[in-house]
N, C-alpha and C. Protein backbone atom coordinates (compact mmCIF):
# COMPACT_ATOMS: atom_id res chain seq x y z
N MET A 1 304.67 103.53 166.25
CA MET A 1 304.37 103.67 167.52
C MET A 1 304.90 103.14 168.63
N THR A 2 304.84 103.71 169.65
CA THR A 2 305.79 103.02 171.02
C THR A 2 304.71 102.80 171.78
N GLU A 3 305.03 101.84 173.06
CA GLU A 3 304.14 101.49 173.71
C GLU A 3 303.32 102.39 174.55
N ASN A 4 304.37 103.30 174.56
CA ASN A 4 303.85 104.67 175.45
C ASN A 4 302.87 105.55 174.94
N HIS A 5 302.17 105.17 173.56
CA HIS A 5 301.16 105.68 172.99
C HIS A 5 299.83 104.67 173.44
N LEU A 6 300.08 103.55 173.48
CA LEU A 6 299.29 102.82 174.19
C LEU A 6 298.81 102.50 175.71
N PRO A 7 297.49 102.31 176.22
CA PRO A 7 297.02 103.19 177.97
C PRO A 7 297.46 101.42 178.00
N HIS A 8 297.43 100.55 177.30
CA HIS A 8 297.85 99.03 178.09
C HIS A 8 298.83 98.34 176.89
N HIS A 9 300.01 97.74 177.56
CA HIS A 9 300.57 96.91 176.59
C HIS A 9 300.53 95.70 176.59
N HIS A 10 299.78 94.98 175.86
CA HIS A 10 299.37 93.39 176.08
C HIS A 10 299.94 92.88 174.97
N HIS A 11 300.16 93.22 173.60
CA HIS A 11 301.16 92.66 172.85
C HIS A 11 301.95 93.14 171.90
N ASP A 12 303.10 92.55 171.79
CA ASP A 12 304.16 93.63 170.97
C ASP A 12 303.37 93.45 169.67
N GLU A 13 302.97 92.36 168.93
CA GLU A 13 302.37 92.48 167.78
C GLU A 13 301.49 93.73 167.26
N THR A 14 300.41 94.21 168.47
CA THR A 14 299.75 95.29 167.87
C THR A 14 300.73 96.70 167.78
N GLU A 15 301.72 96.61 168.40
CA GLU A 15 302.66 97.70 168.35
C GLU A 15 303.30 97.40 166.95
N GLN A 16 303.90 96.61 166.40
CA GLN A 16 304.16 96.40 165.21
C GLN A 16 303.22 96.72 164.07
N MET A 17 302.23 96.29 164.05
CA MET A 17 300.84 96.11 163.42
C MET A 17 300.84 97.70 163.03
N PHE A 18 300.97 98.60 164.16
CA PHE A 18 300.57 100.15 163.97
C PHE A 18 301.91 100.48 163.23
N ASP A 19 303.02 100.09 163.51
CA ASP A 19 304.44 100.53 162.73
C ASP A 19 304.09 100.45 161.06
N HIS A 20 303.11 99.57 160.59
CA HIS A 20 302.79 99.02 159.29
C HIS A 20 301.40 99.56 158.59
N MET A 21 301.06 100.15 159.37
CA MET A 21 299.65 100.56 159.30
C MET A 21 299.81 101.58 157.79
N PRO A 22 298.83 101.19 157.11
CA PRO A 22 298.52 102.58 156.08
C PRO A 22 298.28 103.69 156.50
N ALA A 23 298.59 104.77 156.11
CA ALA A 23 298.21 106.11 156.41
C ALA A 23 296.75 106.36 156.26
N VAL A 24 296.17 107.33 157.12
CA VAL A 24 294.85 107.44 157.14
C VAL A 24 294.33 107.79 155.64
N GLU A 25 295.01 108.79 155.09
CA GLU A 25 294.58 108.80 153.34
C GLU A 25 294.56 107.70 153.03
N ALA A 26 294.97 106.59 153.08
CA ALA A 26 295.15 105.42 152.22
C ALA A 26 293.58 104.70 152.71
N PHE A 27 293.28 104.94 153.82
CA PHE A 27 292.11 104.40 154.22
C PHE A 27 290.61 105.24 153.86
N SER A 28 291.09 106.63 153.85
CA SER A 28 289.95 107.40 153.45
C SER A 28 289.85 107.38 151.85
N ALA A 29 290.76 106.87 150.99
CA ALA A 29 290.72 106.86 149.85
C ALA A 29 289.98 105.51 149.21
N THR A 30 290.33 104.37 150.09
CA THR A 30 289.94 103.20 150.00
C THR A 30 288.23 103.36 150.41
N ALA A 31 288.01 103.90 151.56
CA ALA A 31 286.81 104.26 151.75
C ALA A 31 285.82 104.83 150.86
N ASP A 32 286.33 105.85 150.06
CA ASP A 32 285.41 106.45 148.89
C ASP A 32 285.31 105.60 147.81
N LEU A 33 286.38 104.82 147.57
CA LEU A 33 285.82 104.05 146.22
C LEU A 33 285.07 102.80 146.81
N MET A 34 285.11 102.26 148.11
CA MET A 34 283.89 101.53 148.53
C MET A 34 282.95 101.88 148.38
N LYS A 35 282.76 103.46 148.87
CA LYS A 35 281.19 104.05 148.64
C LYS A 35 281.11 104.86 147.25
N LEU A 36 281.53 104.65 146.30
CA LEU A 36 281.74 104.41 145.20
C LEU A 36 280.58 103.22 144.40
N LEU A 37 281.55 102.15 144.68
CA LEU A 37 281.09 100.86 144.28
C LEU A 37 279.95 100.19 145.05
N SER A 38 279.24 100.90 146.09
CA SER A 38 278.28 100.71 147.15
C SER A 38 276.99 100.79 146.43
N ASP A 39 277.02 101.43 145.69
CA ASP A 39 275.97 101.60 144.81
C ASP A 39 275.75 100.38 143.83
N ASN A 40 274.45 99.86 143.74
CA ASN A 40 273.83 98.60 143.06
C ASN A 40 274.32 99.09 141.20
N THR A 41 273.87 100.18 140.96
CA THR A 41 273.90 100.15 139.42
C THR A 41 275.31 100.80 138.80
N ARG A 42 276.00 101.46 139.86
CA ARG A 42 277.30 101.44 139.36
C ARG A 42 278.22 100.03 139.69
N LEU A 43 277.78 99.40 140.25
CA LEU A 43 278.39 98.18 140.75
C LEU A 43 277.95 97.17 139.33
N ARG A 44 277.56 97.08 139.13
CA ARG A 44 276.42 96.26 137.62
C ARG A 44 277.47 96.82 136.47
N LEU A 45 277.43 98.07 136.75
CA LEU A 45 277.84 98.81 135.22
C LEU A 45 279.42 98.44 135.39
N PHE A 46 280.16 98.69 136.46
CA PHE A 46 281.38 98.32 136.32
C PHE A 46 282.02 96.80 136.08
N TRP A 47 280.81 95.82 136.78
CA TRP A 47 281.02 94.46 136.32
C TRP A 47 281.09 94.43 134.73
N ILE A 48 280.13 94.90 134.25
CA ILE A 48 279.94 94.68 132.68
C ILE A 48 280.92 94.96 131.89
N LEU A 49 281.36 96.04 132.39
CA LEU A 49 282.55 96.90 131.57
C LEU A 49 283.67 96.15 131.92
N CYS A 50 283.99 95.21 132.93
CA CYS A 50 285.23 94.45 133.21
C CYS A 50 285.05 93.43 132.28
N HIS A 51 283.71 93.17 131.95
CA HIS A 51 283.85 91.83 130.86
C HIS A 51 283.87 91.96 129.13
N CYS A 52 283.26 93.56 128.88
CA CYS A 52 283.57 93.85 127.50
C CYS A 52 283.53 95.53 127.35
N GLU A 53 283.45 95.73 126.33
CA GLU A 53 283.53 97.18 125.77
C GLU A 53 282.27 97.50 125.09
N GLU A 54 281.43 98.85 125.63
CA GLU A 54 279.99 98.61 125.12
C GLU A 54 280.19 100.46 125.11
N CYS A 55 279.24 100.42 124.19
CA CYS A 55 278.59 101.94 124.30
C CYS A 55 277.29 102.29 125.14
N PRO A 56 277.33 103.58 125.22
CA PRO A 56 275.98 103.94 126.12
C PRO A 56 274.87 103.41 126.11
N LEU A 57 274.50 103.76 124.75
CA LEU A 57 273.15 102.90 124.02
C LEU A 57 272.79 101.42 124.34
N ASN A 58 273.80 100.62 124.36
CA ASN A 58 273.49 99.40 124.64
C ASN A 58 273.54 99.17 126.57
N LEU A 59 274.56 99.93 127.04
CA LEU A 59 274.54 99.98 128.26
C LEU A 59 273.22 100.38 128.95
N SER A 60 272.38 101.51 128.51
CA SER A 60 271.60 102.09 129.14
C SER A 60 270.56 100.95 128.82
N ALA A 61 270.09 100.22 127.68
CA ALA A 61 269.35 99.00 127.58
C ALA A 61 269.41 98.06 128.50
N LEU A 62 270.78 97.33 128.93
CA LEU A 62 271.18 96.67 129.65
C LEU A 62 270.75 96.83 131.17
N LEU A 63 270.82 97.55 131.60
CA LEU A 63 270.66 98.38 133.16
C LEU A 63 269.26 98.92 133.11
N GLY A 64 268.66 99.09 132.14
CA GLY A 64 266.99 99.76 132.09
C GLY A 64 267.21 100.93 132.71
N MET A 65 268.33 102.11 132.26
CA MET A 65 267.92 103.54 132.85
C MET A 65 268.10 104.46 131.69
N SER A 66 267.82 105.78 131.94
CA SER A 66 268.06 106.84 130.88
C SER A 66 269.29 106.95 130.50
N SER A 67 269.66 107.71 129.47
CA SER A 67 270.71 107.90 129.28
C SER A 67 271.81 108.95 130.00
N PRO A 68 270.91 109.82 130.71
CA PRO A 68 271.08 110.94 131.64
C PRO A 68 271.92 110.39 132.83
N ALA A 69 270.73 109.29 133.47
CA ALA A 69 271.29 108.79 134.73
C ALA A 69 272.61 108.06 134.50
N LEU A 70 272.77 107.25 133.12
CA LEU A 70 274.05 106.35 132.84
C LEU A 70 275.39 107.19 132.75
N ALA A 71 274.95 108.47 132.09
CA ALA A 71 276.24 109.43 131.91
C ALA A 71 276.88 109.74 133.47
N HIS A 72 275.61 110.05 134.42
CA HIS A 72 275.85 110.20 135.58
C HIS A 72 277.22 109.30 136.17
N HIS A 73 276.30 107.93 136.03
CA HIS A 73 277.14 106.69 136.75
C HIS A 73 278.69 106.80 135.86
N LEU A 74 278.47 106.80 134.52
CA LEU A 74 280.15 106.64 133.53
C LEU A 74 280.77 107.79 134.15
N LYS A 75 280.66 108.84 134.66
CA LYS A 75 281.51 110.08 134.77
C LYS A 75 281.68 109.88 136.15
N LEU A 76 281.19 108.90 137.26
CA LEU A 76 281.87 108.89 138.53
C LEU A 76 282.73 107.96 138.46
N LEU A 77 282.30 106.76 137.37
CA LEU A 77 283.54 105.72 137.83
C LEU A 77 284.63 106.28 136.80
N LYS A 78 284.66 107.02 135.64
CA LYS A 78 285.79 107.93 134.87
C LYS A 78 286.34 108.14 135.89
N THR A 79 285.94 109.04 136.95
CA THR A 79 286.46 110.40 137.72
C THR A 79 287.26 109.37 138.31
N ALA A 80 286.79 108.16 138.87
CA ALA A 80 287.48 107.55 139.86
C ALA A 80 288.20 106.68 139.25
N GLY A 81 288.62 106.83 137.93
CA GLY A 81 289.92 105.87 136.92
C GLY A 81 289.66 104.38 136.93
N LEU A 82 288.16 103.90 137.09
CA LEU A 82 287.65 102.34 137.03
C LEU A 82 287.60 102.03 135.53
N ILE A 83 287.17 103.02 134.91
CA ILE A 83 286.77 102.80 133.51
C ILE A 83 287.62 104.05 132.64
N GLN A 84 287.40 103.57 131.31
CA GLN A 84 288.44 104.39 130.54
C GLN A 84 287.22 104.47 129.34
N SER A 85 287.61 105.32 128.37
CA SER A 85 286.69 105.44 127.06
C SER A 85 287.30 105.78 125.89
N ARG A 86 286.99 105.05 124.66
CA ARG A 86 287.71 105.69 123.64
C ARG A 86 286.43 106.11 122.59
N ARG A 87 286.98 106.80 121.86
CA ARG A 87 286.08 107.19 120.78
C ARG A 87 286.91 106.25 119.19
N GLU A 88 285.12 106.23 118.74
CA GLU A 88 285.46 105.96 116.75
C GLU A 88 284.24 106.38 116.17
N GLY A 89 284.48 107.48 115.45
CA GLY A 89 283.84 107.94 114.92
C GLY A 89 283.27 109.14 115.76
N LYS A 90 281.81 109.07 115.71
CA LYS A 90 280.62 109.79 116.34
C LYS A 90 280.26 108.56 117.79
N GLU A 91 280.95 107.49 117.87
CA GLU A 91 280.66 106.44 118.86
C GLU A 91 281.36 106.75 120.08
N VAL A 92 281.45 106.86 121.55
CA VAL A 92 282.20 106.55 122.34
C VAL A 92 281.73 105.04 122.96
N TYR A 93 282.67 104.42 123.32
CA TYR A 93 282.95 102.77 123.75
C TYR A 93 283.69 103.60 125.14
N TYR A 94 282.92 102.24 126.44
CA TYR A 94 283.59 102.32 127.60
C TYR A 94 283.89 101.12 128.20
N ARG A 95 285.38 100.72 128.73
CA ARG A 95 285.52 99.50 129.36
C ARG A 95 286.33 99.96 130.64
N ALA A 96 286.23 98.76 131.19
CA ALA A 96 287.17 98.82 132.67
C ALA A 96 288.56 99.10 132.38
N ALA A 97 289.29 99.72 133.50
CA ALA A 97 290.41 100.28 132.95
C ALA A 97 291.51 99.72 133.38
N ASP A 98 292.71 99.31 132.75
CA ASP A 98 293.78 98.26 132.83
C ASP A 98 294.74 98.75 133.85
N THR A 99 294.44 98.92 135.09
CA THR A 99 294.78 99.09 136.16
C THR A 99 294.87 97.95 137.20
N PRO A 100 295.99 98.22 137.98
CA PRO A 100 296.26 97.07 139.30
C PRO A 100 295.00 97.26 139.99
N CYS A 101 294.40 98.36 140.36
CA CYS A 101 293.29 98.53 141.44
C CYS A 101 291.89 97.51 140.62
N VAL A 102 291.93 97.65 139.25
CA VAL A 102 290.43 97.05 138.49
C VAL A 102 290.88 95.72 138.74
N ARG A 103 292.04 95.23 138.43
CA ARG A 103 292.64 93.92 138.09
C ARG A 103 292.40 93.32 139.62
N ALA A 104 292.39 94.35 140.49
CA ALA A 104 292.39 93.42 141.82
C ALA A 104 290.50 93.39 142.01
N LEU A 105 290.03 94.40 141.77
CA LEU A 105 288.62 94.49 142.20
C LEU A 105 287.66 93.85 141.75
N HIS A 106 287.84 93.39 140.18
CA HIS A 106 287.00 92.72 139.76
C HIS A 106 286.88 91.40 139.97
N PRO A 107 288.09 90.64 140.16
CA PRO A 107 287.77 89.33 140.92
C PRO A 107 287.20 89.17 142.25
N MET A 108 287.39 90.06 143.02
CA MET A 108 287.21 90.45 144.68
C MET A 108 285.28 90.53 144.40
N ILE A 109 285.09 91.56 143.40
CA ILE A 109 283.64 91.78 143.58
C ILE A 109 283.35 90.12 142.77
N GLU A 110 283.61 89.76 141.80
CA GLU A 110 282.98 87.90 141.64
C GLU A 110 282.84 87.18 143.10
N GLN A 111 284.31 86.93 143.70
CA GLN A 111 283.96 86.52 144.62
C GLN A 111 283.03 86.87 145.74
N ILE A 112 282.87 88.20 145.81
CA ILE A 112 282.03 88.61 147.22
C ILE A 112 280.38 88.23 146.52
N ALA A 113 280.23 88.33 145.49
CA ALA A 113 278.98 87.97 144.75
C ALA A 113 278.48 86.52 145.05
N ASP A 114 279.58 85.66 144.75
CA ASP A 114 279.16 84.37 145.00
C ASP A 114 279.31 83.86 146.46
N LEU A 115 279.76 84.69 147.60
CA LEU A 115 279.61 84.29 148.79
C LEU A 115 278.20 84.85 149.39
N SER A 116 277.93 85.81 148.86
CA SER A 116 276.73 86.66 149.14
C SER A 116 275.63 86.08 148.46
N CYS A 117 275.58 85.29 147.43
CA CYS A 117 274.27 84.55 147.03
C CYS A 117 274.74 83.22 146.57
N PRO A 118 274.76 82.56 147.26
CA PRO A 118 275.34 81.20 146.88
C PRO A 118 274.04 80.34 146.13
N GLU A 119 274.28 79.69 145.21
CA GLU A 119 273.15 78.97 144.52
C GLU A 119 272.81 77.82 144.94
């Protein structure tokens, strides 16, 4: 972006910042991810799966929710690439995906939780 695009030219840093700003699509994808994790249940489910691999029956019991409701949340998290599953016989197990996004999100969530709810 050049200074001609800004009504006022106050700082060179502003122009340089806009030159390095991610594309609108990147912000849109980030906002969608934040919306997905803004649900308390999905956030708790994601946190659990960052710490262990678990079957839906145990996850339902841990979260106190029905199997259909849990399946809905698992599907959303899996579609977003935040969790993955594996089948062992008739049983399916879920865990956090091993991706750069998940590796960054997990500690951020724990840090924000610590800041939001200091003991």
